[in-house]
Amino acid sequence: MIELPEGLAAELVPLSWLVGVWEGTGVVEYPIGEPSGDDEEPEVRSYEFGQRVSFSHDGLPYLNYTSTTWLLDEQHTPLAAEMGYWRLDRPSEPGDRGPAMLMGEGNAPFTTTQSVEALRNANDGFDVEAMIIHPTGVNELYVGQVRKGRIDLATDAVMRSANAKEYSAATRLYGLVEGKLFWAWDIAALGQGLTSHASGQLAKVD
């Protein structure tokens, strides 16, 4: 049974099992570049890392997301970081906030779990979107669905700064299995097609 966090917006009930701080380990394994000969394979970068992930909320209908990772070496060398926002994917209503700092007009929509049920999709889940920003000049917009403790996401758009390395698409999978958060991340980058990149297993610490 999932215990709902106090003050959680009704729209976030389908994502409520993510809320908290998670820590664990994972592995990166990704091919880099082209083979140098007919009988050779691309170089594969492979290493283990530690990770801390946080999903929190401010009472509004989105989750705050942060992730930090570090190499499992003696120095715990920082590896990567990302942050963003997760929410249900639905049409905007007059009562929604924004753009910028503008308040909505009239009552906020979908403020009860009963009203949120109207957003359930044909797969008996809920459409979701996640906006994830990387300090390396990459900004991703994912769309997908959450269904029975599993989230499937694929990039709908990827924006890169002029100096960011090549990165064009990604998919992410999250699943809650016996109280642990499992995830897998495939990317298309550095001349490679969509290929397995990293995966991890996290336990809730808060």
N, C-alpha and C. Protein backbone atom coordinates (compact mmCIF):
# COMPACT_ATOMS: atom_id res chain seq x y z
N MET A 1 0.85 -1.20 0.00
CA MET A 1 0.00 0.00 0.00
C MET A 1 0.88 1.24 0.00
N ILE A 2 0.58 2.21 -0.88
CA ILE A 2 1.35 3.44 -0.97
C ILE A 2 0.73 4.50 -0.07
N GLU A 3 1.53 5.09 0.84
CA GLU A 3 1.06 6.14 1.72
C GLU A 3 1.24 7.48 1.03
N LEU A 4 0.16 8.26 0.93
CA LEU A 4 0.21 9.53 0.23
C LEU A 4 0.89 10.59 1.09
N PRO A 5 1.86 11.34 0.54
CA PRO A 5 2.51 12.42 1.29
C PRO A 5 1.51 13.51 1.63
N GLU A 6 1.67 14.13 2.79
CA GLU A 6 0.77 15.19 3.23
C GLU A 6 0.87 16.39 2.29
N GLY A 7 -0.27 16.95 1.93
CA GLY A 7 -0.30 18.14 1.10
C GLY A 7 -0.09 17.89 -0.37
N LEU A 8 -0.06 16.63 -0.79
CA LEU A 8 0.18 16.31 -2.20
C LEU A 8 -1.02 16.73 -3.04
N ALA A 9 -0.76 17.42 -4.15
CA ALA A 9 -1.84 17.79 -5.07
C ALA A 9 -2.49 16.54 -5.64
N ALA A 10 -3.80 16.58 -5.82
CA ALA A 10 -4.53 15.41 -6.29
C ALA A 10 -4.00 14.89 -7.62
N GLU A 11 -3.55 15.79 -8.48
CA GLU A 11 -3.04 15.37 -9.79
C GLU A 11 -1.79 14.50 -9.67
N LEU A 12 -1.10 14.57 -8.55
CA LEU A 12 0.15 13.82 -8.39
C LEU A 12 -0.05 12.45 -7.76
N VAL A 13 -1.28 12.10 -7.44
CA VAL A 13 -1.53 10.79 -6.83
C VAL A 13 -0.97 9.65 -7.71
N PRO A 14 -1.14 9.68 -9.04
CA PRO A 14 -0.56 8.60 -9.85
C PRO A 14 0.96 8.51 -9.77
N LEU A 15 1.62 9.61 -9.39
CA LEU A 15 3.08 9.64 -9.28
C LEU A 15 3.56 9.62 -7.83
N SER A 16 2.64 9.43 -6.89
CA SER A 16 2.97 9.59 -5.47
C SER A 16 4.03 8.61 -4.99
N TRP A 17 4.15 7.45 -5.63
CA TRP A 17 5.12 6.44 -5.18
C TRP A 17 6.55 6.87 -5.45
N LEU A 18 6.73 7.93 -6.24
CA LEU A 18 8.08 8.43 -6.48
C LEU A 18 8.58 9.35 -5.37
N VAL A 19 7.67 9.98 -4.63
CA VAL A 19 8.04 11.04 -3.70
C VAL A 19 8.96 10.50 -2.61
N GLY A 20 10.07 11.21 -2.40
CA GLY A 20 11.05 10.84 -1.38
C GLY A 20 12.45 10.95 -1.92
N VAL A 21 13.40 10.52 -1.10
CA VAL A 21 14.81 10.50 -1.49
C VAL A 21 15.25 9.06 -1.65
N TRP A 22 15.91 8.78 -2.75
CA TRP A 22 16.33 7.43 -3.11
C TRP A 22 17.84 7.40 -3.32
N GLU A 23 18.49 6.34 -2.85
CA GLU A 23 19.93 6.20 -3.07
C GLU A 23 20.25 4.78 -3.49
N GLY A 24 21.30 4.63 -4.28
CA GLY A 24 21.72 3.30 -4.71
C GLY A 24 22.87 3.39 -5.68
N THR A 25 22.99 2.38 -6.51
CA THR A 25 24.09 2.30 -7.46
C THR A 25 23.58 1.92 -8.84
N GLY A 26 24.45 2.09 -9.81
CA GLY A 26 24.10 1.73 -11.18
C GLY A 26 25.34 1.52 -12.01
N VAL A 27 25.13 1.30 -13.29
CA VAL A 27 26.24 1.06 -14.20
C VAL A 27 25.98 1.78 -15.52
N VAL A 28 27.04 2.37 -16.08
CA VAL A 28 27.02 2.94 -17.42
C VAL A 28 27.75 1.98 -18.35
N GLU A 29 27.18 1.74 -19.51
CA GLU A 29 27.84 0.92 -20.54
C GLU A 29 27.33 1.41 -21.89
N TYR A 30 28.20 2.15 -22.60
CA TYR A 30 27.75 2.80 -23.84
C TYR A 30 28.88 2.84 -24.86
N PRO A 31 28.59 2.49 -26.13
CA PRO A 31 29.62 2.50 -27.17
C PRO A 31 29.93 3.93 -27.60
N ILE A 32 31.20 4.19 -27.89
CA ILE A 32 31.66 5.51 -28.30
C ILE A 32 32.39 5.40 -29.63
N GLY A 33 32.01 6.20 -30.62
CA GLY A 33 32.74 6.28 -31.88
C GLY A 33 32.49 5.10 -32.79
N GLU A 34 33.26 5.06 -33.87
CA GLU A 34 33.13 4.02 -34.89
C GLU A 34 34.26 3.00 -34.76
N PRO A 35 34.03 1.73 -35.15
CA PRO A 35 35.11 0.74 -35.14
C PRO A 35 36.26 1.21 -36.03
N SER A 36 37.50 0.90 -35.61
CA SER A 36 38.67 1.32 -36.39
C SER A 36 39.03 0.31 -37.47
N GLY A 37 38.41 -0.88 -37.45
CA GLY A 37 38.69 -1.91 -38.45
C GLY A 37 37.49 -2.79 -38.66
N ASP A 38 37.58 -3.65 -39.70
CA ASP A 38 36.43 -4.49 -40.04
C ASP A 38 36.07 -5.46 -38.92
N ASP A 39 37.05 -5.91 -38.16
CA ASP A 39 36.82 -6.92 -37.13
C ASP A 39 36.73 -6.33 -35.74
N GLU A 40 36.70 -5.03 -35.62
CA GLU A 40 36.71 -4.39 -34.32
C GLU A 40 35.34 -3.80 -34.00
N GLU A 41 35.08 -3.70 -32.70
CA GLU A 41 33.85 -3.11 -32.21
C GLU A 41 34.14 -1.70 -31.70
N PRO A 42 33.10 -0.85 -31.60
CA PRO A 42 33.32 0.48 -31.02
C PRO A 42 33.81 0.37 -29.58
N GLU A 43 34.54 1.38 -29.16
CA GLU A 43 34.95 1.45 -27.75
C GLU A 43 33.72 1.54 -26.87
N VAL A 44 33.70 0.81 -25.76
CA VAL A 44 32.57 0.84 -24.84
C VAL A 44 33.03 1.46 -23.52
N ARG A 45 32.40 2.55 -23.13
CA ARG A 45 32.67 3.16 -21.83
C ARG A 45 31.82 2.43 -20.79
N SER A 46 32.46 1.92 -19.76
CA SER A 46 31.75 1.14 -18.75
C SER A 46 32.29 1.46 -17.37
N TYR A 47 31.40 1.82 -16.44
CA TYR A 47 31.82 2.07 -15.06
C TYR A 47 30.59 2.08 -14.16
N GLU A 48 30.84 1.86 -12.87
CA GLU A 48 29.78 1.86 -11.87
C GLU A 48 29.72 3.23 -11.20
N PHE A 49 28.53 3.55 -10.71
CA PHE A 49 28.35 4.86 -10.07
C PHE A 49 27.38 4.75 -8.89
N GLY A 50 27.46 5.71 -8.00
CA GLY A 50 26.47 5.90 -6.95
C GLY A 50 25.50 6.99 -7.35
N GLN A 51 24.30 6.98 -6.79
CA GLN A 51 23.29 7.94 -7.20
C GLN A 51 22.37 8.31 -6.03
N ARG A 52 21.99 9.58 -6.03
CA ARG A 52 20.97 10.07 -5.09
C ARG A 52 19.92 10.83 -5.89
N VAL A 53 18.67 10.42 -5.74
CA VAL A 53 17.55 11.01 -6.48
C VAL A 53 16.53 11.54 -5.48
N SER A 54 15.98 12.69 -5.78
CA SER A 54 14.93 13.27 -4.93
C SER A 54 13.73 13.67 -5.77
N PHE A 55 12.55 13.23 -5.34
CA PHE A 55 11.29 13.71 -5.88
C PHE A 55 10.54 14.40 -4.74
N SER A 56 10.24 15.68 -4.89
CA SER A 56 9.55 16.43 -3.85
C SER A 56 8.42 17.25 -4.47
N HIS A 57 7.62 17.89 -3.61
CA HIS A 57 6.51 18.69 -4.13
C HIS A 57 6.31 19.90 -3.22
N ASP A 58 5.65 20.91 -3.78
CA ASP A 58 5.35 22.15 -3.06
C ASP A 58 3.86 22.37 -2.88
N GLY A 59 3.08 21.30 -3.02
CA GLY A 59 1.64 21.43 -2.95
C GLY A 59 1.00 21.79 -4.28
N LEU A 60 1.82 22.05 -5.30
CA LEU A 60 1.33 22.35 -6.64
C LEU A 60 1.36 21.08 -7.50
N PRO A 61 0.70 21.07 -8.66
CA PRO A 61 0.55 19.82 -9.41
C PRO A 61 1.76 19.45 -10.26
N TYR A 62 2.95 19.42 -9.66
CA TYR A 62 4.15 18.92 -10.32
C TYR A 62 5.13 18.43 -9.25
N LEU A 63 6.01 17.55 -9.65
CA LEU A 63 7.07 17.07 -8.78
C LEU A 63 8.38 17.76 -9.15
N ASN A 64 9.14 18.16 -8.13
CA ASN A 64 10.50 18.63 -8.32
C ASN A 64 11.42 17.41 -8.36
N TYR A 65 12.34 17.40 -9.30
CA TYR A 65 13.21 16.24 -9.50
C TYR A 65 14.67 16.67 -9.52
N THR A 66 15.53 15.97 -8.78
CA THR A 66 16.98 16.18 -8.88
C THR A 66 17.67 14.81 -8.82
N SER A 67 18.79 14.72 -9.52
CA SER A 67 19.61 13.51 -9.49
C SER A 67 21.07 13.91 -9.51
N THR A 68 21.87 13.32 -8.64
CA THR A 68 23.32 13.50 -8.66
C THR A 68 23.96 12.11 -8.66
N THR A 69 25.04 11.98 -9.42
CA THR A 69 25.75 10.70 -9.51
C THR A 69 27.24 10.93 -9.33
N TRP A 70 27.93 9.88 -8.89
CA TRP A 70 29.36 9.94 -8.67
C TRP A 70 29.98 8.58 -8.95
N LEU A 71 31.23 8.59 -9.38
CA LEU A 71 31.93 7.35 -9.62
C LEU A 71 32.19 6.62 -8.32
N LEU A 72 32.18 5.29 -8.37
CA LEU A 72 32.46 4.50 -7.18
C LEU A 72 33.98 4.27 -7.08
N ASP A 73 34.70 5.40 -6.97
CA ASP A 73 36.14 5.33 -6.75
C ASP A 73 36.45 5.88 -5.36
N GLU A 74 37.71 5.94 -4.99
CA GLU A 74 38.07 6.39 -3.65
C GLU A 74 37.69 7.84 -3.40
N GLN A 75 37.68 8.64 -4.45
CA GLN A 75 37.37 10.06 -4.30
C GLN A 75 35.89 10.38 -4.47
N HIS A 76 35.09 9.38 -4.84
CA HIS A 76 33.67 9.63 -5.17
C HIS A 76 33.57 10.79 -6.16
N THR A 77 34.32 10.69 -7.23
CA THR A 77 34.39 11.74 -8.24
C THR A 77 33.00 12.05 -8.80
N PRO A 78 32.56 13.33 -8.76
CA PRO A 78 31.25 13.67 -9.33
C PRO A 78 31.16 13.26 -10.79
N LEU A 79 30.01 12.70 -11.19
CA LEU A 79 29.84 12.19 -12.54
C LEU A 79 28.88 13.06 -13.34
N ALA A 80 27.65 13.21 -12.88
CA ALA A 80 26.64 13.98 -13.63
C ALA A 80 25.54 14.44 -12.68
N ALA A 81 24.79 15.43 -13.13
CA ALA A 81 23.65 15.93 -12.37
C ALA A 81 22.56 16.34 -13.34
N GLU A 82 21.33 16.31 -12.87
CA GLU A 82 20.20 16.78 -13.66
C GLU A 82 19.09 17.20 -12.72
N MET A 83 18.21 18.04 -13.22
CA MET A 83 17.07 18.49 -12.43
C MET A 83 15.90 18.75 -13.36
N GLY A 84 14.69 18.81 -12.78
CA GLY A 84 13.55 19.07 -13.64
C GLY A 84 12.24 19.00 -12.90
N TYR A 85 11.17 18.83 -13.69
CA TYR A 85 9.81 18.81 -13.17
C TYR A 85 9.01 17.71 -13.88
N TRP A 86 8.20 17.00 -13.10
CA TRP A 86 7.35 15.93 -13.63
C TRP A 86 5.89 16.28 -13.31
N ARG A 87 4.99 16.00 -14.26
CA ARG A 87 3.58 16.27 -14.03
C ARG A 87 2.74 15.42 -14.97
N LEU A 88 1.42 15.41 -14.73
CA LEU A 88 0.53 14.75 -15.68
C LEU A 88 0.49 15.56 -16.97
N ASP A 89 0.36 14.87 -18.07
CA ASP A 89 0.30 15.49 -19.39
C ASP A 89 -1.17 15.64 -19.77
N ARG A 90 -1.67 16.85 -19.74
CA ARG A 90 -3.08 17.13 -20.06
C ARG A 90 -3.20 18.53 -20.65
N PRO A 91 -4.31 18.83 -21.33
CA PRO A 91 -4.51 20.18 -21.86
C PRO A 91 -4.56 21.22 -20.74
N SER A 92 -4.07 22.40 -21.04
CA SER A 92 -4.11 23.49 -20.07
C SER A 92 -5.54 23.98 -19.87
N GLU A 93 -5.87 24.32 -18.62
CA GLU A 93 -7.19 24.84 -18.26
C GLU A 93 -7.06 26.30 -17.82
N PRO A 94 -8.15 27.09 -17.91
CA PRO A 94 -8.08 28.49 -17.48
C PRO A 94 -7.60 28.64 -16.03
N GLY A 95 -7.91 27.70 -15.16
CA GLY A 95 -7.52 27.80 -13.77
C GLY A 95 -6.07 27.44 -13.49
N ASP A 96 -5.36 26.93 -14.48
CA ASP A 96 -3.94 26.60 -14.29
C ASP A 96 -3.10 27.88 -14.20
N ARG A 97 -1.99 27.80 -13.47
CA ARG A 97 -1.09 28.94 -13.37
C ARG A 97 -0.27 29.11 -14.64
N GLY A 98 0.24 30.34 -14.83
CA GLY A 98 1.12 30.63 -15.94
C GLY A 98 0.36 31.25 -17.11
N PRO A 99 1.12 31.72 -18.12
CA PRO A 99 2.57 31.59 -18.21
C PRO A 99 3.30 32.51 -17.23
N ALA A 100 4.62 32.27 -17.08
CA ALA A 100 5.46 33.04 -16.17
C ALA A 100 4.87 33.03 -14.76
N MET A 101 4.61 34.18 -14.16
CA MET A 101 4.14 34.25 -12.77
C MET A 101 2.66 34.60 -12.68
N LEU A 102 1.91 34.39 -13.76
CA LEU A 102 0.50 34.73 -13.76
C LEU A 102 -0.33 33.66 -13.05
N MET A 103 -1.26 34.11 -12.24
CA MET A 103 -2.21 33.19 -11.61
C MET A 103 -3.25 32.76 -12.63
N GLY A 104 -3.88 31.63 -12.36
CA GLY A 104 -4.95 31.17 -13.23
C GLY A 104 -6.22 31.96 -13.03
N GLU A 105 -7.18 31.74 -13.91
CA GLU A 105 -8.47 32.41 -13.84
C GLU A 105 -9.51 31.42 -13.31
N GLY A 106 -10.16 31.80 -12.21
CA GLY A 106 -11.18 30.92 -11.64
C GLY A 106 -10.55 29.82 -10.79
N ASN A 107 -11.30 28.76 -10.57
CA ASN A 107 -10.85 27.68 -9.70
C ASN A 107 -9.81 26.79 -10.39
N ALA A 108 -8.87 26.29 -9.61
CA ALA A 108 -7.88 25.34 -10.14
C ALA A 108 -8.59 24.04 -10.52
N PRO A 109 -8.20 23.43 -11.63
CA PRO A 109 -8.86 22.18 -12.06
C PRO A 109 -8.27 20.95 -11.36
N PHE A 110 -9.01 19.86 -11.39
CA PHE A 110 -8.53 18.54 -10.95
C PHE A 110 -7.95 18.58 -9.52
N THR A 111 -8.76 19.06 -8.60
CA THR A 111 -8.31 19.20 -7.21
C THR A 111 -8.75 18.04 -6.32
N THR A 112 -9.46 17.06 -6.89
CA THR A 112 -9.85 15.87 -6.13
C THR A 112 -9.43 14.63 -6.89
N THR A 113 -9.23 13.54 -6.14
CA THR A 113 -8.84 12.30 -6.80
C THR A 113 -9.94 11.82 -7.74
N GLN A 114 -11.20 12.13 -7.41
CA GLN A 114 -12.29 11.73 -8.29
C GLN A 114 -12.20 12.46 -9.63
N SER A 115 -11.89 13.74 -9.61
CA SER A 115 -11.80 14.49 -10.86
C SER A 115 -10.59 14.07 -11.67
N VAL A 116 -9.50 13.67 -11.01
CA VAL A 116 -8.30 13.22 -11.70
C VAL A 116 -8.57 11.93 -12.47
N GLU A 117 -9.52 11.13 -11.99
CA GLU A 117 -9.85 9.88 -12.68
C GLU A 117 -10.30 10.13 -14.11
N ALA A 118 -10.81 11.32 -14.39
CA ALA A 118 -11.24 11.65 -15.75
C ALA A 118 -10.05 11.72 -16.71
N LEU A 119 -8.84 11.81 -16.17
CA LEU A 119 -7.63 11.88 -16.99
C LEU A 119 -7.03 10.51 -17.29
N ARG A 120 -7.61 9.47 -16.73
CA ARG A 120 -7.08 8.13 -16.97
C ARG A 120 -7.18 7.79 -18.46
N ASN A 121 -6.12 7.21 -19.04
CA ASN A 121 -6.09 6.95 -20.48
C ASN A 121 -6.63 5.56 -20.81
N ALA A 122 -6.62 5.22 -22.10
CA ALA A 122 -7.19 3.95 -22.56
C ALA A 122 -6.40 2.74 -22.10
N ASN A 123 -5.15 2.95 -21.64
CA ASN A 123 -4.32 1.86 -21.13
C ASN A 123 -4.44 1.69 -19.62
N ASP A 124 -5.45 2.33 -19.02
CA ASP A 124 -5.67 2.28 -17.58
C ASP A 124 -4.49 2.92 -16.82
N GLY A 125 -3.88 3.92 -17.43
CA GLY A 125 -2.81 4.68 -16.80
C GLY A 125 -3.07 6.17 -16.97
N PHE A 126 -2.02 6.96 -16.78
CA PHE A 126 -2.12 8.41 -16.92
C PHE A 126 -0.96 8.90 -17.78
N ASP A 127 -1.25 9.81 -18.70
CA ASP A 127 -0.20 10.41 -19.50
C ASP A 127 0.64 11.34 -18.62
N VAL A 128 1.95 11.32 -18.80
CA VAL A 128 2.85 12.15 -18.00
C VAL A 128 3.85 12.85 -18.91
N GLU A 129 4.43 13.92 -18.40
CA GLU A 129 5.54 14.57 -19.07
C GLU A 129 6.60 14.92 -18.03
N ALA A 130 7.85 14.90 -18.46
CA ALA A 130 8.97 15.24 -17.58
C ALA A 130 9.91 16.16 -18.34
N MET A 131 10.23 17.29 -17.73
CA MET A 131 11.19 18.23 -18.29
C MET A 131 12.48 18.12 -17.49
N ILE A 132 13.57 17.71 -18.13
CA ILE A 132 14.82 17.44 -17.44
C ILE A 132 15.94 18.27 -18.06
N ILE A 133 16.66 18.99 -17.20
CA ILE A 133 17.72 19.91 -17.63
C ILE A 133 19.07 19.37 -17.16
N HIS A 134 20.05 19.40 -18.04
CA HIS A 134 21.41 18.97 -17.73
C HIS A 134 22.34 20.18 -17.74
N PRO A 135 23.35 20.24 -16.86
CA PRO A 135 24.26 21.39 -16.85
C PRO A 135 25.22 21.40 -18.04
N THR A 136 25.15 20.38 -18.89
CA THR A 136 26.01 20.30 -20.07
C THR A 136 25.38 20.92 -21.31
N GLY A 137 24.28 21.68 -21.12
CA GLY A 137 23.66 22.38 -22.23
C GLY A 137 22.58 21.61 -22.94
N VAL A 138 22.00 20.58 -22.29
CA VAL A 138 20.94 19.78 -22.89
C VAL A 138 19.67 19.92 -22.06
N ASN A 139 18.55 20.09 -22.75
CA ASN A 139 17.24 20.20 -22.10
C ASN A 139 16.30 19.22 -22.80
N GLU A 140 15.74 18.27 -22.04
CA GLU A 140 14.89 17.22 -22.61
C GLU A 140 13.43 17.40 -22.18
N LEU A 141 12.51 17.15 -23.11
CA LEU A 141 11.09 17.03 -22.79
C LEU A 141 10.67 15.61 -23.10
N TYR A 142 10.28 14.87 -22.06
CA TYR A 142 9.81 13.49 -22.21
C TYR A 142 8.29 13.45 -22.11
N VAL A 143 7.68 12.55 -22.83
CA VAL A 143 6.27 12.24 -22.67
C VAL A 143 6.13 10.72 -22.56
N GLY A 144 5.09 10.29 -21.87
CA GLY A 144 4.89 8.85 -21.69
C GLY A 144 3.69 8.61 -20.81
N GLN A 145 3.75 7.53 -20.03
CA GLN A 145 2.63 7.22 -19.16
C GLN A 145 3.11 6.53 -17.90
N VAL A 146 2.31 6.68 -16.85
CA VAL A 146 2.51 5.96 -15.59
C VAL A 146 1.36 4.98 -15.44
N ARG A 147 1.71 3.74 -15.09
CA ARG A 147 0.69 2.70 -14.98
C ARG A 147 1.16 1.63 -14.01
N LYS A 148 0.47 1.51 -12.86
CA LYS A 148 0.71 0.43 -11.90
C LYS A 148 2.19 0.32 -11.51
N GLY A 149 2.75 1.40 -11.00
CA GLY A 149 4.12 1.37 -10.51
C GLY A 149 5.17 1.32 -11.58
N ARG A 150 4.85 1.72 -12.80
CA ARG A 150 5.81 1.74 -13.89
C ARG A 150 5.61 3.01 -14.71
N ILE A 151 6.73 3.62 -15.12
CA ILE A 151 6.69 4.82 -15.96
C ILE A 151 7.55 4.57 -17.19
N ASP A 152 6.97 4.79 -18.36
CA ASP A 152 7.68 4.70 -19.64
C ASP A 152 7.72 6.09 -20.26
N LEU A 153 8.93 6.57 -20.59
CA LEU A 153 9.10 7.91 -21.14
C LEU A 153 9.94 7.85 -22.41
N ALA A 154 9.65 8.75 -23.34
CA ALA A 154 10.46 8.93 -24.56
C ALA A 154 10.53 10.41 -24.86
N THR A 155 11.66 10.87 -25.37
CA THR A 155 11.80 12.29 -25.66
C THR A 155 10.87 12.72 -26.78
N ASP A 156 10.17 13.80 -26.53
CA ASP A 156 9.37 14.46 -27.55
C ASP A 156 10.17 15.58 -28.20
N ALA A 157 11.13 16.13 -27.44
CA ALA A 157 12.00 17.19 -27.95
C ALA A 157 13.29 17.20 -27.14
N VAL A 158 14.40 17.51 -27.82
CA VAL A 158 15.69 17.70 -27.18
C VAL A 158 16.27 19.01 -27.68
N MET A 159 16.60 19.91 -26.75
CA MET A 159 17.22 21.19 -27.10
C MET A 159 18.66 21.20 -26.59
N ARG A 160 19.59 21.58 -27.47
CA ARG A 160 21.01 21.62 -27.10
C ARG A 160 21.56 23.02 -27.35
N SER A 161 22.44 23.46 -26.46
CA SER A 161 23.15 24.71 -26.71
C SER A 161 24.17 24.49 -27.82
N ALA A 162 24.70 25.57 -28.35
CA ALA A 162 25.64 25.47 -29.47
C ALA A 162 26.89 24.68 -29.12
N ASN A 163 27.25 24.65 -27.84
CA ASN A 163 28.49 23.99 -27.42
C ASN A 163 28.26 22.64 -26.76
N ALA A 164 27.01 22.16 -26.74
CA ALA A 164 26.73 20.85 -26.14
C ALA A 164 27.15 19.73 -27.08
N LYS A 165 27.51 18.58 -26.52
CA LYS A 165 27.83 17.42 -27.34
C LYS A 165 26.56 16.84 -27.97
N GLU A 166 26.76 16.12 -29.08
CA GLU A 166 25.62 15.60 -29.85
C GLU A 166 24.80 14.61 -29.03
N TYR A 167 23.51 14.85 -28.98
CA TYR A 167 22.57 14.05 -28.19
C TYR A 167 21.20 14.33 -28.79
N SER A 168 20.51 13.30 -29.30
CA SER A 168 19.31 13.56 -30.09
C SER A 168 18.03 12.93 -29.58
N ALA A 169 18.10 11.89 -28.77
CA ALA A 169 16.87 11.23 -28.32
C ALA A 169 17.18 10.34 -27.13
N ALA A 170 16.14 9.97 -26.40
CA ALA A 170 16.32 9.09 -25.25
C ALA A 170 15.00 8.47 -24.84
N THR A 171 15.08 7.36 -24.14
CA THR A 171 13.94 6.76 -23.45
C THR A 171 14.35 6.46 -22.02
N ARG A 172 13.39 6.49 -21.13
CA ARG A 172 13.64 6.14 -19.73
C ARG A 172 12.51 5.25 -19.24
N LEU A 173 12.87 4.32 -18.39
CA LEU A 173 11.92 3.40 -17.78
C LEU A 173 12.17 3.40 -16.27
N TYR A 174 11.09 3.57 -15.50
CA TYR A 174 11.16 3.51 -14.04
C TYR A 174 10.15 2.47 -13.56
N GLY A 175 10.53 1.70 -12.55
CA GLY A 175 9.61 0.72 -12.02
C GLY A 175 9.82 0.52 -10.53
N LEU A 176 8.73 0.37 -9.81
CA LEU A 176 8.78 0.10 -8.37
C LEU A 176 8.59 -1.39 -8.16
N VAL A 177 9.63 -2.06 -7.65
CA VAL A 177 9.61 -3.50 -7.45
C VAL A 177 10.03 -3.81 -6.02
N GLU A 178 9.08 -4.32 -5.22
CA GLU A 178 9.34 -4.68 -3.83
C GLU A 178 9.98 -3.52 -3.07
N GLY A 179 9.44 -2.32 -3.28
CA GLY A 179 9.89 -1.15 -2.54
C GLY A 179 11.14 -0.49 -3.08
N LYS A 180 11.73 -1.02 -4.13
CA LYS A 180 12.93 -0.43 -4.71
C LYS A 180 12.61 0.18 -6.07
N LEU A 181 13.34 1.25 -6.39
CA LEU A 181 13.14 1.95 -7.65
C LEU A 181 14.21 1.50 -8.65
N PHE A 182 13.76 0.83 -9.70
CA PHE A 182 14.64 0.40 -10.78
C PHE A 182 14.46 1.35 -11.97
N TRP A 183 15.54 1.65 -12.66
CA TRP A 183 15.41 2.51 -13.83
C TRP A 183 16.42 2.10 -14.90
N ALA A 184 16.09 2.45 -16.15
CA ALA A 184 16.97 2.20 -17.28
C ALA A 184 16.85 3.38 -18.24
N TRP A 185 17.98 3.74 -18.87
CA TRP A 185 18.05 4.93 -19.71
C TRP A 185 18.76 4.58 -21.00
N ASP A 186 18.08 4.69 -22.14
CA ASP A 186 18.68 4.52 -23.46
C ASP A 186 18.85 5.89 -24.09
N ILE A 187 19.96 6.10 -24.82
CA ILE A 187 20.18 7.38 -25.46
C ILE A 187 20.68 7.19 -26.89
N ALA A 188 20.46 8.23 -27.71
CA ALA A 188 21.06 8.33 -29.04
C ALA A 188 22.00 9.52 -28.99
N ALA A 189 23.31 9.26 -29.02
CA ALA A 189 24.30 10.31 -28.83
C ALA A 189 25.62 9.94 -29.48
N LEU A 190 26.42 10.96 -29.80
CA LEU A 190 27.79 10.77 -30.30
C LEU A 190 27.83 9.82 -31.49
N GLY A 191 26.86 9.96 -32.38
CA GLY A 191 26.84 9.16 -33.59
C GLY A 191 26.18 7.81 -33.47
N GLN A 192 25.74 7.43 -32.30
CA GLN A 192 25.08 6.14 -32.09
C GLN A 192 23.57 6.29 -32.18
N GLY A 193 22.88 5.24 -32.62
CA GLY A 193 21.43 5.20 -32.55
C GLY A 193 20.99 4.95 -31.11
N LEU A 194 19.69 4.85 -30.91
CA LEU A 194 19.16 4.65 -29.57
C LEU A 194 19.69 3.33 -29.01
N THR A 195 20.48 3.42 -27.94
CA THR A 195 21.20 2.27 -27.40
C THR A 195 21.20 2.35 -25.88
N SER A 196 21.20 1.19 -25.23
CA SER A 196 21.25 1.14 -23.78
C SER A 196 22.45 1.93 -23.26
N HIS A 197 22.21 2.78 -22.27
CA HIS A 197 23.23 3.68 -21.75
C HIS A 197 23.54 3.44 -20.27
N ALA A 198 22.51 3.42 -19.43
CA ALA A 198 22.73 3.29 -18.00
C ALA A 198 21.50 2.70 -17.33
N SER A 199 21.71 2.12 -16.16
CA SER A 199 20.61 1.58 -15.36
C SER A 199 21.01 1.63 -13.90
N GLY A 200 20.02 1.56 -13.03
CA GLY A 200 20.31 1.63 -11.60
C GLY A 200 19.23 1.01 -10.76
N GLN A 201 19.55 0.84 -9.49
CA GLN A 201 18.62 0.31 -8.49
C GLN A 201 18.76 1.14 -7.23
N LEU A 202 17.65 1.72 -6.78
CA LEU A 202 17.68 2.66 -5.67
C LEU A 202 16.73 2.22 -4.56
N ALA A 203 17.10 2.54 -3.32
CA ALA A 203 16.25 2.27 -2.17
C ALA A 203 15.88 3.60 -1.51
N LYS A 204 14.67 3.69 -0.98
CA LYS A 204 14.22 4.93 -0.37
C LYS A 204 14.93 5.13 0.97
N VAL A 205 15.46 6.33 1.18
CA VAL A 205 16.16 6.65 2.43
C VAL A 205 15.44 7.72 3.21
N ASP A 206 14.39 8.31 2.64
CA ASP A 206 13.62 9.34 3.33
C ASP A 206 12.18 9.28 2.85
